[in-house]
Amino acid sequence: MMIGTPTQLRLAENIGTVTVAETSLTLSTQVKSHGVVFDPKLSFDSHVSAVYKGCNYHIWALRHIRRVLPLDVAKTCF
């Protein structure tokens, strides 16, 4: 992934691969490292979107077991 200012990224937008140690590597638009999603502008929009989707999934999953939880436990979850 290439990181830079908008001007730097515009100048390098035609680069699709980079050669390292005689190996051709394809550039990616996003990189995930230690649970954090990085984008070329380091705006964290992709990371926020991924966290949002994960939270919605887990809330949806909790709805399926809500009726088997004791009331005091359900109040802490919902």
C-alpha atoms as a PDB file:
ATOM      1  CA  MET A   1       0.000   0.000   0.000  1.00  0.00           C
ATOM      2  CA  MET A   2       1.235   3.463  -0.786  1.00  0.00           C
ATOM      3  CA  ILE A   3       0.699   6.193   1.791  1.00  0.00           C
ATOM      4  CA  GLY A   4       0.990   9.879   1.085  1.00  0.00           C
ATOM      5  CA  THR A   5      -0.658  13.213   0.576  1.00  0.00           C
ATOM      6  CA  PRO A   6      -3.454  13.447  -2.010  1.00  0.00           C
ATOM      7  CA  THR A   7      -1.005  15.037  -4.466  1.00  0.00           C
ATOM      8  CA  GLN A   8       1.591  12.311  -3.971  1.00  0.00           C
ATOM      9  CA  LEU A   9      -1.036   9.587  -4.385  1.00  0.00           C
ATOM     10  CA  ARG A  10      -2.375  11.207  -7.573  1.00  0.00           C
ATOM     11  CA  LEU A  11       1.124  11.274  -9.080  1.00  0.00           C
ATOM     12  CA  ALA A  12       1.644   7.592  -8.241  1.00  0.00           C
ATOM     13  CA  GLU A  13      -1.830   6.277  -9.133  1.00  0.00           C
ATOM     14  CA  ASN A  14      -0.525   4.473 -12.244  1.00  0.00           C
ATOM     15  CA  ILE A  15       1.789   2.270 -10.175  1.00  0.00           C
ATOM     16  CA  GLY A  16       0.155  -1.136  -9.710  1.00  0.00           C
ATOM     17  CA  THR A  17       3.094  -3.291  -8.650  1.00  0.00           C
ATOM     18  CA  VAL A  18       6.379  -2.871  -6.812  1.00  0.00           C
ATOM     19  CA  THR A  19       9.382  -5.165  -7.171  1.00  0.00           C
ATOM     20  CA  VAL A  20      11.149  -6.157  -3.946  1.00  0.00           C
ATOM     21  CA  ALA A  21      13.975  -8.723  -3.924  1.00  0.00           C
ATOM     22  CA  GLU A  22      13.116  -9.750  -7.494  1.00  0.00           C
ATOM     23  CA  THR A  23       9.505 -10.433  -6.471  1.00  0.00           C
ATOM     24  CA  SER A  24       6.614  -8.458  -7.927  1.00  0.00           C
ATOM     25  CA  LEU A  25       4.130  -7.282  -5.289  1.00  0.00           C
ATOM     26  CA  THR A  26       0.660  -5.959  -6.138  1.00  0.00           C
ATOM     27  CA  LEU A  27      -0.350  -2.798  -4.295  1.00  0.00           C
ATOM     28  CA  SER A  28      -3.472  -2.902  -2.139  1.00  0.00           C
ATOM     29  CA  THR A  29      -5.959  -0.138  -1.370  1.00  0.00           C
ATOM     30  CA  GLN A  30      -6.257  -1.209   2.284  1.00  0.00           C
ATOM     31  CA  VAL A  31      -4.062  -3.033   4.790  1.00  0.00           C
ATOM     32  CA  LYS A  32      -5.211  -4.627   8.051  1.00  0.00           C
ATOM     33  CA  SER A  33      -2.651  -4.895  10.834  1.00  0.00           C
ATOM     34  CA  HIS A  34      -3.391  -5.861  14.440  1.00  0.00           C
ATOM     35  CA  GLY A  35      -7.107  -5.297  13.834  1.00  0.00           C
ATOM     36  CA  VAL A  36      -6.694  -1.787  12.436  1.00  0.00           C
ATOM     37  CA  VAL A  37      -7.596  -1.101   8.795  1.00  0.00           C
ATOM     38  CA  PHE A  38      -5.333   1.473   7.137  1.00  0.00           C
ATOM     39  CA  ASP A  39      -6.160   3.312   3.910  1.00  0.00           C
ATOM     40  CA  PRO A  40      -3.731   5.343   1.747  1.00  0.00           C
ATOM     41  CA  LYS A  41      -4.851   8.703   3.189  1.00  0.00           C
ATOM     42  CA  LEU A  42      -4.770   7.418   6.802  1.00  0.00           C
ATOM     43  CA  SER A  43      -8.290   8.769   7.314  1.00  0.00           C
ATOM     44  CA  PHE A  44      -9.443   5.641   9.227  1.00  0.00           C
ATOM     45  CA  ASP A  45     -12.773   5.711   7.362  1.00  0.00           C
ATOM     46  CA  SER A  46     -12.273   2.060   6.407  1.00  0.00           C
ATOM     47  CA  HIS A  47     -11.439   1.145  10.002  1.00  0.00           C
ATOM     48  CA  VAL A  48     -14.495   2.923  11.412  1.00  0.00           C
ATOM     49  CA  SER A  49     -16.674   1.174   8.837  1.00  0.00           C
ATOM     50  CA  ALA A  50     -15.212  -2.230   9.752  1.00  0.00           C
ATOM     51  CA  VAL A  51     -15.742  -1.643  13.497  1.00  0.00           C
ATOM     52  CA  TYR A  52     -19.321  -0.472  12.835  1.00  0.00           C
ATOM     53  CA  LYS A  53     -20.087  -3.612  10.817  1.00  0.00           C
ATOM     54  CA  GLY A  54     -18.563  -5.820  13.527  1.00  0.00           C
ATOM     55  CA  CYS A  55     -20.598  -4.161  16.281  1.00  0.00           C
ATOM     56  CA  ASN A  56     -23.814  -4.495  14.297  1.00  0.00           C
ATOM     57  CA  TYR A  57     -23.108  -8.179  13.720  1.00  0.00           C
ATOM     58  CA  HIS A  58     -22.554  -8.856  17.423  1.00  0.00           C
ATOM     59  CA  ILE A  59     -25.660  -6.902  18.447  1.00  0.00           C
ATOM     60  CA  TRP A  60     -27.636  -8.919  15.888  1.00  0.00           C
ATOM     61  CA  ALA A  61     -26.158 -12.144  17.296  1.00  0.00           C
ATOM     62  CA  LEU A  62     -27.131 -11.157  20.867  1.00  0.00           C
ATOM     63  CA  ARG A  63     -30.756 -10.705  19.786  1.00  0.00           C
ATOM     64  CA  HIS A  64     -30.925 -14.417  19.040  1.00  0.00           C
ATOM     65  CA  ILE A  65     -30.077 -15.389  22.612  1.00  0.00           C
ATOM     66  CA  ARG A  66     -31.900 -12.546  24.400  1.00  0.00           C
ATOM     67  CA  ARG A  67     -34.835 -14.696  25.586  1.00  0.00           C
ATOM     68  CA  VAL A  68     -32.537 -17.195  27.337  1.00  0.00           C
ATOM     69  CA  LEU A  69     -30.631 -14.533  29.298  1.00  0.00           C
ATOM     70  CA  PRO A  70     -31.639 -13.581  32.845  1.00  0.00           C
ATOM     71  CA  LEU A  71     -33.114 -10.069  33.063  1.00  0.00           C
ATOM     72  CA  ASP A  72     -30.126  -8.555  34.937  1.00  0.00           C
ATOM     73  CA  VAL A  73     -27.696  -9.864  32.311  1.00  0.00           C
ATOM     74  CA  ALA A  74     -29.909  -8.674  29.449  1.00  0.00           C
ATOM     75  CA  LYS A  75     -29.997  -5.156  30.925  1.00  0.00           C
ATOM     76  CA  THR A  76     -26.197  -4.931  30.787  1.00  0.00           C
ATOM     77  CA  CYS A  77     -26.141  -6.088  27.135  1.00  0.00           C
ATOM     78  CA  PHE A  78     -28.957  -4.052  25.708  1.00  0.00           C
END
